[in-house]
Amino acid sequence: MRKGDRIFFYHTGDEKAVVGIAEAACAPYPDPADEAGKLYAIDIVAVKKLKSPVTLAAIKADEAFASFPLVRISRLSVMPVSDDEWKRIEAIAR
């Protein structure tokens, strides 16, 4: 991840939905709370809230996301999103 990269903001827990768009405000840096030095953090800036959340159920039901990492691997916190996947999520949120 690099400064300026677009980021979908995803709520976990009960909601499980993409709810907004943010931007990376800096490059990743070692997480100061991780004494082992394995984890990294990144600062983000809110860009906009989506008009309607795009739920994990809606993403899983859409064949366009068959190979999307969020559908295939359950415990990801950071993953790549292709331009087509990005556009599809924005279209669903309208």
PDB file of N, CA and C in Angstrom:
ATOM      1  N   MET A   1       0.847  -1.166   0.000  1.00  0.00           N
ATOM      2  CA  MET A   1       0.000   0.000   0.000  1.00  0.00           C
ATOM      3  C   MET A   1       0.894   1.231   0.000  1.00  0.00           C
ATOM      4  N   ARG A   2       0.439   2.258  -0.712  1.00  0.00           N
ATOM      5  CA  ARG A   2       1.219   3.499  -0.792  1.00  0.00           C
ATOM      6  C   ARG A   2       0.326   4.706  -0.487  1.00  0.00           C
ATOM      7  N   LYS A   3       0.964   5.806  -0.114  1.00  0.00           N
ATOM      8  CA  LYS A   3       0.239   7.050   0.106  1.00  0.00           C
ATOM      9  C   LYS A   3      -0.583   7.364  -1.149  1.00  0.00           C
ATOM     10  N   GLY A   4      -1.850   7.702  -0.954  1.00  0.00           N
ATOM     11  CA  GLY A   4      -2.731   8.054  -2.066  1.00  0.00           C
ATOM     12  C   GLY A   4      -3.573   6.896  -2.579  1.00  0.00           C
ATOM     13  N   ASP A   5      -3.260   5.649  -2.180  1.00  0.00           N
ATOM     14  CA  ASP A   5      -4.064   4.509  -2.621  1.00  0.00           C
ATOM     15  C   ASP A   5      -5.495   4.632  -2.108  1.00  0.00           C
ATOM     16  N   ARG A   6      -6.441   4.217  -2.954  1.00  0.00           N
ATOM     17  CA  ARG A   6      -7.847   4.175  -2.552  1.00  0.00           C
ATOM     18  C   ARG A   6      -8.079   2.952  -1.665  1.00  0.00           C
ATOM     19  N   ILE A   7      -8.983   3.111  -0.706  1.00  0.00           N
ATOM     20  CA  ILE A   7      -9.261   2.048   0.260  1.00  0.00           C
ATOM     21  C   ILE A   7     -10.777   1.973   0.466  1.00  0.00           C
ATOM     22  N   PHE A   8     -11.313   0.756   0.423  1.00  0.00           N
ATOM     23  CA  PHE A   8     -12.690   0.567   0.870  1.00  0.00           C
ATOM     24  C   PHE A   8     -12.660   0.383   2.376  1.00  0.00           C
ATOM     25  N   PHE A   9     -13.577   1.067   3.063  1.00  0.00           N
ATOM     26  CA  PHE A   9     -13.709   0.916   4.510  1.00  0.00           C
ATOM     27  C   PHE A   9     -14.771  -0.140   4.751  1.00  0.00           C
ATOM     28  N   TYR A  10     -14.388  -1.231   5.412  1.00  0.00           N
ATOM     29  CA  TYR A  10     -15.250  -2.399   5.599  1.00  0.00           C
ATOM     30  C   TYR A  10     -15.524  -2.596   7.080  1.00  0.00           C
ATOM     31  N   HIS A  11     -16.813  -2.676   7.445  1.00  0.00           N
ATOM     32  CA  HIS A  11     -17.185  -2.975   8.827  1.00  0.00           C
ATOM     33  C   HIS A  11     -17.228  -4.485   9.016  1.00  0.00           C
ATOM     34  N   THR A  12     -16.603  -4.961  10.069  1.00  0.00           N
ATOM     35  CA  THR A  12     -16.684  -6.373  10.418  1.00  0.00           C
ATOM     36  C   THR A  12     -17.714  -6.529  11.530  1.00  0.00           C
ATOM     37  N   GLY A  13     -17.795  -7.678  12.126  1.00  0.00           N
ATOM     38  CA  GLY A  13     -18.760  -7.902  13.196  1.00  0.00           C
ATOM     39  C   GLY A  13     -20.125  -8.221  12.612  1.00  0.00           C
ATOM     40  N   ASP A  14     -21.160  -7.685  13.209  1.00  0.00           N
ATOM     41  CA  ASP A  14     -22.523  -7.998  12.769  1.00  0.00           C
ATOM     42  C   ASP A  14     -22.851  -7.446  11.388  1.00  0.00           C
ATOM     43  N   GLU A  15     -22.314  -6.285  11.047  1.00  0.00           N
ATOM     44  CA  GLU A  15     -22.690  -5.630   9.785  1.00  0.00           C
ATOM     45  C   GLU A  15     -22.066  -6.282   8.551  1.00  0.00           C
ATOM     46  N   LYS A  16     -20.777  -6.553   8.570  1.00  0.00           N
ATOM     47  CA  LYS A  16     -20.045  -7.145   7.439  1.00  0.00           C
ATOM     48  C   LYS A  16     -20.424  -6.495   6.115  1.00  0.00           C
ATOM     49  N   ALA A  17     -19.942  -5.268   5.912  1.00  0.00           N
ATOM     50  CA  ALA A  17     -20.290  -4.521   4.702  1.00  0.00           C
ATOM     51  C   ALA A  17     -19.243  -3.454   4.397  1.00  0.00           C
ATOM     52  N   VAL A  18     -19.077  -3.177   3.097  1.00  0.00           N
ATOM     53  CA  VAL A  18     -18.273  -2.039   2.657  1.00  0.00           C
ATOM     54  C   VAL A  18     -19.161  -0.813   2.875  1.00  0.00           C
ATOM     55  N   VAL A  19     -18.669   0.156   3.646  1.00  0.00           N
ATOM     56  CA  VAL A  19     -19.502   1.297   4.002  1.00  0.00           C
ATOM     57  C   VAL A  19     -18.959   2.645   3.528  1.00  0.00           C
ATOM     58  N   GLY A  20     -17.703   2.674   3.086  1.00  0.00           N
ATOM     59  CA  GLY A  20     -17.149   3.954   2.676  1.00  0.00           C
ATOM     60  C   GLY A  20     -15.842   3.806   1.917  1.00  0.00           C
ATOM     61  N   ILE A  21     -15.328   4.958   1.507  1.00  0.00           N
ATOM     62  CA  ILE A  21     -14.067   5.029   0.786  1.00  0.00           C
ATOM     63  C   ILE A  21     -13.125   5.939   1.562  1.00  0.00           C
ATOM     64  N   ALA A  22     -11.877   5.504   1.642  1.00  0.00           N
ATOM     65  CA  ALA A  22     -10.831   6.286   2.315  1.00  0.00           C
ATOM     66  C   ALA A  22      -9.607   6.324   1.405  1.00  0.00           C
ATOM     67  N   GLU A  23      -8.592   7.021   1.859  1.00  0.00           N
ATOM     68  CA  GLU A  23      -7.340   7.114   1.107  1.00  0.00           C
ATOM     69  C   GLU A  23      -6.182   6.940   2.080  1.00  0.00           C
ATOM     70  N   ALA A  24      -5.143   6.244   1.629  1.00  0.00           N
ATOM     71  CA  ALA A  24      -3.943   6.083   2.451  1.00  0.00           C
ATOM     72  C   ALA A  24      -3.258   7.435   2.589  1.00  0.00           C
ATOM     73  N   ALA A  25      -3.047   7.868   3.831  1.00  0.00           N
ATOM     74  CA  ALA A  25      -2.426   9.170   4.089  1.00  0.00           C
ATOM     75  C   ALA A  25      -0.906   9.074   4.164  1.00  0.00           C
ATOM     76  N   CYS A  26      -0.387   7.853   4.224  1.00  0.00           N
ATOM     77  CA  CYS A  26       1.058   7.651   4.340  1.00  0.00           C
ATOM     78  C   CYS A  26       1.397   6.234   3.916  1.00  0.00           C
ATOM     79  N   ALA A  27       2.658   5.946   3.877  1.00  0.00           N
ATOM     80  CA  ALA A  27       3.106   4.575   3.644  1.00  0.00           C
ATOM     81  C   ALA A  27       2.941   3.784   4.947  1.00  0.00           C
ATOM     82  N   PRO A  28       2.843   2.463   4.851  1.00  0.00           N
ATOM     83  CA  PRO A  28       2.764   1.656   6.084  1.00  0.00           C
ATOM     84  C   PRO A  28       4.002   1.861   6.956  1.00  0.00           C
ATOM     85  N   TYR A  29       3.794   1.744   8.273  1.00  0.00           N
ATOM     86  CA  TYR A  29       4.891   1.870   9.221  1.00  0.00           C
ATOM     87  C   TYR A  29       4.707   0.817  10.312  1.00  0.00           C
ATOM     88  N   PRO A  30       5.771   0.414  10.994  1.00  0.00           N
ATOM     89  CA  PRO A  30       5.639  -0.601  12.049  1.00  0.00           C
ATOM     90  C   PRO A  30       4.606  -0.177  13.090  1.00  0.00           C
ATOM     91  N   ASP A  31       3.724  -1.086  13.438  1.00  0.00           N
ATOM     92  CA  ASP A  31       2.679  -0.809  14.423  1.00  0.00           C
ATOM     93  C   ASP A  31       3.332  -0.624  15.789  1.00  0.00           C
ATOM     94  N   PRO A  32       3.218   0.574  16.373  1.00  0.00           N
ATOM     95  CA  PRO A  32       3.870   0.819  17.663  1.00  0.00           C
ATOM     96  C   PRO A  32       3.328  -0.058  18.792  1.00  0.00           C
ATOM     97  N   ALA A  33       2.132  -0.619  18.637  1.00  0.00           N
ATOM     98  CA  ALA A  33       1.544  -1.470  19.673  1.00  0.00           C
ATOM     99  C   ALA A  33       2.006  -2.927  19.563  1.00  0.00           C
ATOM    100  N   ASP A  34       2.721  -3.276  18.493  1.00  0.00           N
ATOM    101  CA  ASP A  34       3.164  -4.650  18.272  1.00  0.00           C
ATOM    102  C   ASP A  34       4.604  -4.824  18.751  1.00  0.00           C
ATOM    103  N   GLU A  35       4.764  -5.391  19.930  1.00  0.00           N
ATOM    104  CA  GLU A  35       6.105  -5.575  20.506  1.00  0.00           C
ATOM    105  C   GLU A  35       6.953  -6.552  19.695  1.00  0.00           C
ATOM    106  N   ALA A  36       6.308  -7.463  18.952  1.00  0.00           N
ATOM    107  CA  ALA A  36       7.050  -8.443  18.159  1.00  0.00           C
ATOM    108  C   ALA A  36       7.601  -7.828  16.875  1.00  0.00           C
ATOM    109  N   GLY A  37       7.072  -6.683  16.471  1.00  0.00           N
ATOM    110  CA  GLY A  37       7.553  -6.006  15.279  1.00  0.00           C
ATOM    111  C   GLY A  37       7.123  -6.640  13.967  1.00  0.00           C
ATOM    112  N   LYS A  38       6.044  -7.417  13.986  1.00  0.00           N
ATOM    113  CA  LYS A  38       5.571  -8.100  12.777  1.00  0.00           C
ATOM    114  C   LYS A  38       4.455  -7.345  12.064  1.00  0.00           C
ATOM    115  N   LEU A  39       3.718  -6.533  12.796  1.00  0.00           N
ATOM    116  CA  LEU A  39       2.541  -5.871  12.236  1.00  0.00           C
ATOM    117  C   LEU A  39       2.859  -4.459  11.770  1.00  0.00           C
ATOM    118  N   TYR A  40       2.089  -4.014  10.791  1.00  0.00           N
ATOM    119  CA  TYR A  40       2.228  -2.662  10.270  1.00  0.00           C
ATOM    120  C   TYR A  40       0.901  -1.931  10.382  1.00  0.00           C
ATOM    121  N   ALA A  41       0.975  -0.611  10.401  1.00  0.00           N
ATOM    122  CA  ALA A  41      -0.203   0.246  10.468  1.00  0.00           C
ATOM    123  C   ALA A  41      -0.140   1.241   9.312  1.00  0.00           C
ATOM    124  N   ILE A  42      -1.272   1.862   9.052  1.00  0.00           N
ATOM    125  CA  ILE A  42      -1.324   2.912   8.031  1.00  0.00           C
ATOM    126  C   ILE A  42      -2.369   3.930   8.474  1.00  0.00           C
ATOM    127  N   ASP A  43      -2.106   5.182   8.236  1.00  0.00           N
ATOM    128  CA  ASP A  43      -3.070   6.232   8.540  1.00  0.00           C
ATOM    129  C   ASP A  43      -3.939   6.431   7.312  1.00  0.00           C
ATOM    130  N   ILE A  44      -5.229   6.636   7.549  1.00  0.00           N
ATOM    131  CA  ILE A  44      -6.153   6.849   6.435  1.00  0.00           C
ATOM    132  C   ILE A  44      -6.938   8.138   6.625  1.00  0.00           C
ATOM    133  N   VAL A  45      -7.462   8.648   5.518  1.00  0.00           N
ATOM    134  CA  VAL A  45      -8.304   9.840   5.518  1.00  0.00           C
ATOM    135  C   VAL A  45      -9.635   9.451   4.881  1.00  0.00           C
ATOM    136  N   ALA A  46     -10.728   9.765   5.554  1.00  0.00           N
ATOM    137  CA  ALA A  46     -12.048   9.469   4.996  1.00  0.00           C
ATOM    138  C   ALA A  46     -12.269  10.288   3.730  1.00  0.00           C
ATOM    139  N   VAL A  47     -12.825   9.660   2.700  1.00  0.00           N
ATOM    140  CA  VAL A  47     -13.147  10.344   1.451  1.00  0.00           C
ATOM    141  C   VAL A  47     -14.653  10.526   1.337  1.00  0.00           C
ATOM    142  N   LYS A  48     -15.408   9.421   1.455  1.00  0.00           N
ATOM    143  CA  LYS A  48     -16.868   9.539   1.415  1.00  0.00           C
ATOM    144  C   LYS A  48     -17.518   8.277   1.935  1.00  0.00           C
ATOM    145  N   LYS A  49     -18.727   8.441   2.419  1.00  0.00           N
ATOM    146  CA  LYS A  49     -19.567   7.329   2.846  1.00  0.00           C
ATOM    147  C   LYS A  49     -20.326   6.836   1.614  1.00  0.00           C
ATOM    148  N   LEU A  50     -20.449   5.520   1.451  1.00  0.00           N
ATOM    149  CA  LEU A  50     -21.243   5.000   0.337  1.00  0.00           C
ATOM    150  C   LEU A  50     -22.719   5.283   0.596  1.00  0.00           C
ATOM    151  N   LYS A  51     -23.482   5.493  -0.479  1.00  0.00           N
ATOM    152  CA  LYS A  51     -24.912   5.786  -0.328  1.00  0.00           C
ATOM    153  C   LYS A  51     -25.629   4.662   0.398  1.00  0.00           C
ATOM    154  N   SER A  52     -25.267   3.421   0.094  1.00  0.00           N
ATOM    155  CA  SER A  52     -25.806   2.284   0.838  1.00  0.00           C
ATOM    156  C   SER A  52     -24.689   1.268   1.014  1.00  0.00           C
ATOM    157  N   PRO A  53     -24.637   0.617   2.174  1.00  0.00           N
ATOM    158  CA  PRO A  53     -23.590  -0.376   2.414  1.00  0.00           C
ATOM    159  C   PRO A  53     -23.681  -1.524   1.409  1.00  0.00           C
ATOM    160  N   VAL A  54     -22.537  -2.080   1.060  1.00  0.00           N
ATOM    161  CA  VAL A  54     -22.495  -3.255   0.188  1.00  0.00           C
ATOM    162  C   VAL A  54     -22.116  -4.427   1.088  1.00  0.00           C
ATOM    163  N   THR A  55     -23.093  -5.263   1.385  1.00  0.00           N
ATOM    164  CA  THR A  55     -22.898  -6.337   2.346  1.00  0.00           C
ATOM    165  C   THR A  55     -22.046  -7.470   1.773  1.00  0.00           C
ATOM    166  N   LEU A  56     -21.431  -8.202   2.682  1.00  0.00           N
ATOM    167  CA  LEU A  56     -20.673  -9.378   2.286  1.00  0.00           C
ATOM    168  C   LEU A  56     -21.594 -10.366   1.581  1.00  0.00           C
ATOM    169  N   ALA A  57     -22.828 -10.492   2.035  1.00  0.00           N
ATOM    170  CA  ALA A  57     -23.789 -11.400   1.391  1.00  0.00           C
ATOM    171  C   ALA A  57     -24.034 -10.991  -0.058  1.00  0.00           C
ATOM    172  N   ALA A  58     -24.157  -9.698  -0.323  1.00  0.00           N
ATOM    173  CA  ALA A  58     -24.372  -9.215  -1.695  1.00  0.00           C
ATOM    174  C   ALA A  58     -23.139  -9.488  -2.558  1.00  0.00           C
ATOM    175  N   ILE A  59     -21.963  -9.314  -1.990  1.00  0.00           N
ATOM    176  CA  ILE A  59     -20.728  -9.576  -2.732  1.00  0.00           C
ATOM    177  C   ILE A  59     -20.622 -11.061  -3.056  1.00  0.00           C
ATOM    178  N   LYS A  60     -20.900 -11.914  -2.072  1.00  0.00           N
ATOM    179  CA  LYS A  60     -20.821 -13.362  -2.297  1.00  0.00           C
ATOM    180  C   LYS A  60     -21.858 -13.845  -3.313  1.00  0.00           C
ATOM    181  N   ALA A  61     -22.994 -13.162  -3.400  1.00  0.00           N
ATOM    182  CA  ALA A  61     -24.058 -13.567  -4.319  1.00  0.00           C
ATOM    183  C   ALA A  61     -23.795 -13.128  -5.753  1.00  0.00           C
ATOM    184  N   ASP A  62     -22.841 -12.237  -5.957  1.00  0.00           N
ATOM    185  CA  ASP A  62     -22.556 -11.680  -7.282  1.00  0.00           C
ATOM    186  C   ASP A  62     -21.427 -12.474  -7.947  1.00  0.00           C
ATOM    187  N   GLU A  63     -21.707 -13.096  -9.072  1.00  0.00           N
ATOM    188  CA  GLU A  63     -20.716 -13.915  -9.776  1.00  0.00           C
ATOM    189  C   GLU A  63     -19.470 -13.137 -10.178  1.00  0.00           C
ATOM    190  N   ALA A  64     -19.582 -11.809 -10.297  1.00  0.00           N
ATOM    191  CA  ALA A  64     -18.423 -10.982 -10.660  1.00  0.00           C
ATOM    192  C   ALA A  64     -17.320 -11.062  -9.603  1.00  0.00           C
ATOM    193  N   PHE A  65     -17.672 -11.498  -8.399  1.00  0.00           N
ATOM    194  CA  PHE A  65     -16.709 -11.564  -7.297  1.00  0.00           C
ATOM    195  C   PHE A  65     -16.259 -12.986  -6.971  1.00  0.00           C
ATOM    196  N   ALA A  66     -16.421 -13.907  -7.889  1.00  0.00           N
ATOM    197  CA  ALA A  66     -16.074 -15.318  -7.633  1.00  0.00           C
ATOM    198  C   ALA A  66     -14.621 -15.487  -7.180  1.00  0.00           C
ATOM    199  N   SER A  67     -13.716 -14.696  -7.721  1.00  0.00           N
ATOM    200  CA  SER A  67     -12.303 -14.837  -7.332  1.00  0.00           C
ATOM    201  C   SER A  67     -11.834 -13.731  -6.381  1.00  0.00           C
ATOM    202  N   PHE A  68     -12.743 -12.911  -5.911  1.00  0.00           N
ATOM    203  CA  PHE A  68     -12.413 -11.808  -5.003  1.00  0.00           C
ATOM    204  C   PHE A  68     -11.893 -12.386  -3.679  1.00  0.00           C
ATOM    205  N   PRO A  69     -10.733 -11.930  -3.193  1.00  0.00           N
ATOM    206  CA  PRO A  69     -10.165 -12.495  -1.954  1.00  0.00           C
ATOM    207  C   PRO A  69     -11.120 -12.457  -0.765  1.00  0.00           C
ATOM    208  N   LEU A  70     -11.953 -11.448  -0.649  1.00  0.00           N
ATOM    209  CA  LEU A  70     -12.888 -11.361   0.470  1.00  0.00           C
ATOM    210  C   LEU A  70     -13.863 -12.533   0.479  1.00  0.00           C
ATOM    211  N   VAL A  71     -14.189 -13.058  -0.692  1.00  0.00           N
ATOM    212  CA  VAL A  71     -15.105 -14.193  -0.814  1.00  0.00           C
ATOM    213  C   VAL A  71     -14.370 -15.509  -0.527  1.00  0.00           C
ATOM    214  N   ARG A  72     -13.126 -15.599  -0.961  1.00  0.00           N
ATOM    215  CA  ARG A  72     -12.369 -16.850  -0.866  1.00  0.00           C
ATOM    216  C   ARG A  72     -11.644 -17.053   0.461  1.00  0.00           C
ATOM    217  N   ILE A  73     -11.198 -15.958   1.102  1.00  0.00           N
ATOM    218  CA  ILE A  73     -10.383 -16.061   2.323  1.00  0.00           C
ATOM    219  C   ILE A  73     -11.066 -15.240   3.416  1.00  0.00           C
ATOM    220  N   SER A  74     -11.512 -15.909   4.449  1.00  0.00           N
ATOM    221  CA  SER A  74     -12.403 -15.257   5.414  1.00  0.00           C
ATOM    222  C   SER A  74     -11.764 -14.235   6.346  1.00  0.00           C
ATOM    223  N   ARG A  75     -10.484 -14.295   6.629  1.00  0.00           N
ATOM    224  CA  ARG A  75      -9.917 -13.419   7.655  1.00  0.00           C
ATOM    225  C   ARG A  75      -8.858 -12.480   7.112  1.00  0.00           C
ATOM    226  N   LEU A  76      -9.219 -11.718   6.109  1.00  0.00           N
ATOM    227  CA  LEU A  76      -8.282 -10.745   5.545  1.00  0.00           C
ATOM    228  C   LEU A  76      -8.571  -9.356   6.096  1.00  0.00           C
ATOM    229  N   SER A  77      -7.524  -8.585   6.312  1.00  0.00           N
ATOM    230  CA  SER A  77      -7.737  -7.195   6.693  1.00  0.00           C
ATOM    231  C   SER A  77      -7.320  -6.254   5.571  1.00  0.00           C
ATOM    232  N   VAL A  78      -6.419  -6.712   4.699  1.00  0.00           N
ATOM    233  CA  VAL A  78      -5.976  -5.921   3.557  1.00  0.00           C
ATOM    234  C   VAL A  78      -5.911  -6.854   2.356  1.00  0.00           C
ATOM    235  N   MET A  79      -6.465  -6.394   1.232  1.00  0.00           N
ATOM    236  CA  MET A  79      -6.439  -7.217   0.022  1.00  0.00           C
ATOM    237  C   MET A  79      -6.506  -6.315  -1.196  1.00  0.00           C
ATOM    238  N   PRO A  80      -6.005  -6.782  -2.321  1.00  0.00           N
ATOM    239  CA  PRO A  80      -6.113  -5.979  -3.544  1.00  0.00           C
ATOM    240  C   PRO A  80      -7.544  -5.981  -4.066  1.00  0.00           C
ATOM    241  N   VAL A  81      -7.917  -4.889  -4.712  1.00  0.00           N
ATOM    242  CA  VAL A  81      -9.230  -4.768  -5.362  1.00  0.00           C
ATOM    243  C   VAL A  81      -8.957  -4.294  -6.783  1.00  0.00           C
ATOM    244  N   SER A  82      -9.376  -5.085  -7.764  1.00  0.00           N
ATOM    245  CA  SER A  82      -9.155  -4.694  -9.158  1.00  0.00           C
ATOM    246  C   SER A  82     -10.040  -3.496  -9.509  1.00  0.00           C
ATOM    247  N   ASP A  83      -9.716  -2.831 -10.602  1.00  0.00           N
ATOM    248  CA  ASP A  83     -10.535  -1.699 -11.049  1.00  0.00           C
ATOM    249  C   ASP A  83     -11.970  -2.141 -11.321  1.00  0.00           C
ATOM    250  N   ASP A  84     -12.145  -3.313 -11.934  1.00  0.00           N
ATOM    251  CA  ASP A  84     -13.496  -3.819 -12.218  1.00  0.00           C
ATOM    252  C   ASP A  84     -14.264  -4.115 -10.933  1.00  0.00           C
ATOM    253  N   GLU A  85     -13.595  -4.715  -9.949  1.00  0.00           N
ATOM    254  CA  GLU A  85     -14.248  -4.992  -8.669  1.00  0.00           C
ATOM    255  C   GLU A  85     -14.612  -3.689  -7.969  1.00  0.00           C
ATOM    256  N   TRP A  86     -13.722  -2.714  -8.038  1.00  0.00           N
ATOM    257  CA  TRP A  86     -13.981  -1.411  -7.424  1.00  0.00           C
ATOM    258  C   TRP A  86     -15.244  -0.792  -8.039  1.00  0.00           C
ATOM    259  N   LYS A  87     -15.297  -0.772  -9.358  1.00  0.00           N
ATOM    260  CA  LYS A  87     -16.453  -0.186 -10.057  1.00  0.00           C
ATOM    261  C   LYS A  87     -17.736  -0.922  -9.720  1.00  0.00           C
ATOM    262  N   ARG A  88     -17.671  -2.243  -9.605  1.00  0.00           N
ATOM    263  CA  ARG A  88     -18.857  -3.042  -9.304  1.00  0.00           C
ATOM    264  C   ARG A  88     -19.368  -2.734  -7.897  1.00  0.00           C
ATOM    265  N   ILE A  89     -18.482  -2.635  -6.934  1.00  0.00           N
ATOM    266  CA  ILE A  89     -18.902  -2.299  -5.563  1.00  0.00           C
ATOM    267  C   ILE A  89     -19.534  -0.917  -5.518  1.00  0.00           C
ATOM    268  N   GLU A  90     -18.933   0.054  -6.219  1.00  0.00           N
ATOM    269  CA  GLU A  90     -19.527   1.395  -6.265  1.00  0.00           C
ATOM    270  C   GLU A  90     -20.901   1.357  -6.930  1.00  0.00           C
ATOM    271  N   ALA A  91     -21.056   0.556  -7.977  1.00  0.00           N
ATOM    272  CA  ALA A  91     -22.344   0.464  -8.667  1.00  0.00           C
ATOM    273  C   ALA A  91     -23.410  -0.152  -7.753  1.00  0.00           C
ATOM    274  N   ILE A  92     -23.059  -1.161  -6.996  1.00  0.00           N
ATOM    275  CA  ILE A  92     -24.013  -1.795  -6.075  1.00  0.00           C
ATOM    276  C   ILE A  92     -24.433  -0.814  -4.983  1.00  0.00           C
ATOM    277  N   ALA A  93     -23.535   0.070  -4.579  1.00  0.00           N
ATOM    278  CA  ALA A  93     -23.814   1.006  -3.487  1.00  0.00           C
ATOM    279  C   ALA A  93     -24.774   2.130  -3.888  1.00  0.00           C
ATOM    280  N   ARG A  94     -25.059   2.279  -5.146  1.00  0.00           N
ATOM    281  CA  ARG A  94     -25.927   3.387  -5.594  1.00  0.00           C
ATOM    282  C   ARG A  94     -27.375   3.134  -5.352  1.00  0.00           C
TER     283      ARG A  94
END
